[in-house]
Amino acid sequence: MKFQLDEPQGGNSISKHDGQCVWVNNQPNRSSLLVPWRGEVQAWPLARFEDLSEQHFEQILALRPELVVFGSGGRIRFAPPRLYRSLIEARIGIETMDLAAACRTYNVLASEGRAVLAALLIDA
């Protein structure tokens, strides 16, 4: 049973994913990316979880979501809170999950009209 619309009105939608690619609005993306609820999908210059830095979360902060769904790759890995302190201080929620769960959760929240952003690490 499907739980979300096929094409949410006016927003981005993750249409498919596997370990090496995420399709947003039916466009393939083979490297890490930021998917805001509305607006352009952005490259997220991150190839490995171990390379996460404060600057990666500052890029997210600039998009001003109310909630961030962080897809940490093929398995769930939690970033140290010091890296995303700027989000905490701006009162932006962040939830960490594996890539597949993050894609599903993003679609549900975006279909509800939430100001959500998916920060997706593709660590092929």
C-alpha atoms as a PDB file:
ATOM      1  CA  MET A   1       0.000   0.000   0.000  1.00  0.00           C
ATOM      2  CA  LYS A   2       1.322   3.456  -0.917  1.00  0.00           C
ATOM      3  CA  PHE A   3       1.268   6.130   1.752  1.00  0.00           C
ATOM      4  CA  GLN A   4       2.194   9.231  -0.240  1.00  0.00           C
ATOM      5  CA  LEU A   5       1.134  10.996  -3.401  1.00  0.00           C
ATOM      6  CA  ASP A   6       2.912  10.087  -6.618  1.00  0.00           C
ATOM      7  CA  GLU A   7       3.695  13.735  -7.311  1.00  0.00           C
ATOM      8  CA  PRO A   8       3.313  16.176  -4.428  1.00  0.00           C
ATOM      9  CA  GLN A   9       1.961  19.544  -5.473  1.00  0.00           C
ATOM     10  CA  GLY A  10       4.761  22.082  -5.946  1.00  0.00           C
ATOM     11  CA  GLY A  11       7.499  20.217  -4.124  1.00  0.00           C
ATOM     12  CA  ASN A  12      10.317  17.765  -4.578  1.00  0.00           C
ATOM     13  CA  SER A  13       9.751  14.034  -4.376  1.00  0.00           C
ATOM     14  CA  ILE A  14      12.169  11.133  -4.110  1.00  0.00           C
ATOM     15  CA  SER A  15      10.879   8.709  -6.682  1.00  0.00           C
ATOM     16  CA  LYS A  16      13.415   5.891  -6.270  1.00  0.00           C
ATOM     17  CA  HIS A  17      16.652   5.021  -4.488  1.00  0.00           C
ATOM     18  CA  ASP A  18      19.273   2.321  -4.220  1.00  0.00           C
ATOM     19  CA  GLY A  19      22.688   2.299  -2.574  1.00  0.00           C
ATOM     20  CA  GLN A  20      24.375   4.303  -5.329  1.00  0.00           C
ATOM     21  CA  CYS A  21      21.677   6.634  -6.653  1.00  0.00           C
ATOM     22  CA  VAL A  22      18.682   8.684  -5.529  1.00  0.00           C
ATOM     23  CA  TRP A  23      16.101   9.819  -8.070  1.00  0.00           C
ATOM     24  CA  VAL A  24      14.521  13.169  -7.218  1.00  0.00           C
ATOM     25  CA  ASN A  25      11.641  14.170  -9.469  1.00  0.00           C
ATOM     26  CA  ASN A  26      12.733  11.237 -11.671  1.00  0.00           C
ATOM     27  CA  GLN A  27      16.253  12.692 -12.082  1.00  0.00           C
ATOM     28  CA  PRO A  28      19.153  10.448 -10.986  1.00  0.00           C
ATOM     29  CA  ASN A  29      21.717  11.741  -8.463  1.00  0.00           C
ATOM     30  CA  ARG A  30      24.815   9.616  -7.880  1.00  0.00           C
ATOM     31  CA  SER A  31      26.506  11.750  -5.237  1.00  0.00           C
ATOM     32  CA  SER A  32      25.413  13.193  -1.911  1.00  0.00           C
ATOM     33  CA  LEU A  33      22.693  15.817  -2.120  1.00  0.00           C
ATOM     34  CA  LEU A  34      20.323  18.112  -0.257  1.00  0.00           C
ATOM     35  CA  VAL A  35      16.655  17.810  -1.166  1.00  0.00           C
ATOM     36  CA  PRO A  36      14.571  20.704   0.150  1.00  0.00           C
ATOM     37  CA  TRP A  37      10.778  20.464   0.285  1.00  0.00           C
ATOM     38  CA  ARG A  38      10.705  23.174  -2.384  1.00  0.00           C
ATOM     39  CA  GLY A  39      13.334  24.665  -4.649  1.00  0.00           C
ATOM     40  CA  GLU A  40      16.386  23.246  -6.308  1.00  0.00           C
ATOM     41  CA  VAL A  41      18.134  20.087  -5.260  1.00  0.00           C
ATOM     42  CA  GLN A  42      21.703  20.930  -4.273  1.00  0.00           C
ATOM     43  CA  ALA A  43      24.936  18.996  -4.442  1.00  0.00           C
ATOM     44  CA  TRP A  44      26.299  18.235  -0.988  1.00  0.00           C
ATOM     45  CA  PRO A  45      30.071  17.850  -1.322  1.00  0.00           C
ATOM     46  CA  LEU A  46      30.423  14.788   0.872  1.00  0.00           C
ATOM     47  CA  ALA A  47      31.709  11.389  -0.223  1.00  0.00           C
ATOM     48  CA  ARG A  48      32.305   9.697   3.141  1.00  0.00           C
ATOM     49  CA  PHE A  49      30.612   9.907   6.525  1.00  0.00           C
ATOM     50  CA  GLU A  50      34.009  10.424   8.130  1.00  0.00           C
ATOM     51  CA  ASP A  51      34.411  13.693   6.177  1.00  0.00           C
ATOM     52  CA  LEU A  52      31.350  15.373   7.761  1.00  0.00           C
ATOM     53  CA  SER A  53      32.128  18.839   9.106  1.00  0.00           C
ATOM     54  CA  GLU A  54      30.383  21.901  10.481  1.00  0.00           C
ATOM     55  CA  GLN A  55      30.412  23.389   6.974  1.00  0.00           C
ATOM     56  CA  HIS A  56      28.165  20.608   5.684  1.00  0.00           C
ATOM     57  CA  PHE A  57      25.537  21.512   8.274  1.00  0.00           C
ATOM     58  CA  GLU A  58      25.994  25.245   7.622  1.00  0.00           C
ATOM     59  CA  GLN A  59      24.942  24.551   4.020  1.00  0.00           C
ATOM     60  CA  ILE A  60      21.765  22.969   5.398  1.00  0.00           C
ATOM     61  CA  LEU A  61      21.151  25.890   7.766  1.00  0.00           C
ATOM     62  CA  ALA A  62      21.204  28.327   4.835  1.00  0.00           C
ATOM     63  CA  LEU A  63      18.095  26.599   3.408  1.00  0.00           C
ATOM     64  CA  ARG A  64      16.108  27.215   6.648  1.00  0.00           C
ATOM     65  CA  PRO A  65      14.137  23.975   6.971  1.00  0.00           C
ATOM     66  CA  GLU A  66      12.094  23.245  10.093  1.00  0.00           C
ATOM     67  CA  LEU A  67      13.324  19.640  10.102  1.00  0.00           C
ATOM     68  CA  VAL A  68      16.289  17.790   8.599  1.00  0.00           C
ATOM     69  CA  VAL A  69      16.194  14.099   7.768  1.00  0.00           C
ATOM     70  CA  PHE A  70      19.834  13.004   7.613  1.00  0.00           C
ATOM     71  CA  GLY A  71      20.346   9.822   5.598  1.00  0.00           C
ATOM     72  CA  SER A  72      23.746   8.642   6.823  1.00  0.00           C
ATOM     73  CA  GLY A  73      24.360   6.169   3.993  1.00  0.00           C
ATOM     74  CA  GLY A  74      23.759   2.443   3.790  1.00  0.00           C
ATOM     75  CA  ARG A  75      23.700   2.098   7.568  1.00  0.00           C
ATOM     76  CA  ILE A  76      22.704   4.401  10.387  1.00  0.00           C
ATOM     77  CA  ARG A  77      25.570   6.458  11.796  1.00  0.00           C
ATOM     78  CA  PHE A  78      25.177   9.419  14.131  1.00  0.00           C
ATOM     79  CA  ALA A  79      27.183  12.597  13.605  1.00  0.00           C
ATOM     80  CA  PRO A  80      28.663  14.225  16.714  1.00  0.00           C
ATOM     81  CA  PRO A  81      26.304  17.002  17.924  1.00  0.00           C
ATOM     82  CA  ARG A  82      29.131  19.564  17.746  1.00  0.00           C
ATOM     83  CA  LEU A  83      28.942  19.294  13.942  1.00  0.00           C
ATOM     84  CA  TYR A  84      25.289  20.314  13.761  1.00  0.00           C
ATOM     85  CA  ARG A  85      25.277  22.763  16.673  1.00  0.00           C
ATOM     86  CA  SER A  86      24.199  25.544  14.291  1.00  0.00           C
ATOM     87  CA  LEU A  87      20.984  23.622  13.569  1.00  0.00           C
ATOM     88  CA  ILE A  88      20.300  23.090  17.261  1.00  0.00           C
ATOM     89  CA  GLU A  89      20.857  26.777  18.000  1.00  0.00           C
ATOM     90  CA  ALA A  90      18.469  27.721  15.171  1.00  0.00           C
ATOM     91  CA  ARG A  91      15.882  25.314  16.643  1.00  0.00           C
ATOM     92  CA  ILE A  92      15.920  23.124  13.537  1.00  0.00           C
ATOM     93  CA  GLY A  93      15.215  19.473  14.294  1.00  0.00           C
ATOM     94  CA  ILE A  94      17.440  16.743  12.916  1.00  0.00           C
ATOM     95  CA  GLU A  95      16.695  13.027  12.677  1.00  0.00           C
ATOM     96  CA  THR A  96      19.278  10.476  11.570  1.00  0.00           C
ATOM     97  CA  MET A  97      18.462   7.257   9.733  1.00  0.00           C
ATOM     98  CA  ASP A  98      19.872   5.113   6.958  1.00  0.00           C
ATOM     99  CA  LEU A  99      19.473   6.274   3.365  1.00  0.00           C
ATOM    100  CA  ALA A 100      16.402   4.164   2.548  1.00  0.00           C
ATOM    101  CA  ALA A 101      14.502   5.208   5.682  1.00  0.00           C
ATOM    102  CA  ALA A 102      15.458   8.852   5.133  1.00  0.00           C
ATOM    103  CA  CYS A 103      14.052   8.804   1.587  1.00  0.00           C
ATOM    104  CA  ARG A 104      10.754   7.303   2.757  1.00  0.00           C
ATOM    105  CA  THR A 105      10.441   9.657   5.725  1.00  0.00           C
ATOM    106  CA  TYR A 106      11.245  12.719   3.607  1.00  0.00           C
ATOM    107  CA  ASN A 107       8.467  11.842   1.129  1.00  0.00           C
ATOM    108  CA  VAL A 108       5.883  11.425   3.882  1.00  0.00           C
ATOM    109  CA  LEU A 109       6.802  14.726   5.568  1.00  0.00           C
ATOM    110  CA  ALA A 110       7.024  16.649   2.281  1.00  0.00           C
ATOM    111  CA  SER A 111       3.618  15.302   1.200  1.00  0.00           C
ATOM    112  CA  GLU A 112       2.207  16.734   4.446  1.00  0.00           C
ATOM    113  CA  GLY A 113       3.504  20.168   3.437  1.00  0.00           C
ATOM    114  CA  ARG A 114       6.264  20.239   6.063  1.00  0.00           C
ATOM    115  CA  ALA A 115       9.364  22.373   5.538  1.00  0.00           C
ATOM    116  CA  VAL A 116      11.624  19.326   5.528  1.00  0.00           C
ATOM    117  CA  LEU A 117      15.042  18.840   3.987  1.00  0.00           C
ATOM    118  CA  ALA A 118      16.678  15.492   3.203  1.00  0.00           C
ATOM    119  CA  ALA A 119      20.461  15.525   3.602  1.00  0.00           C
ATOM    120  CA  LEU A 120      21.440  12.325   1.835  1.00  0.00           C
ATOM    121  CA  LEU A 121      24.901  10.760   1.973  1.00  0.00           C
ATOM    122  CA  ILE A 122      25.495   8.483  -0.962  1.00  0.00           C
ATOM    123  CA  ASP A 123      28.620   6.580   0.019  1.00  0.00           C
ATOM    124  CA  ALA A 124      29.010   4.176  -2.863  1.00  0.00           C
END
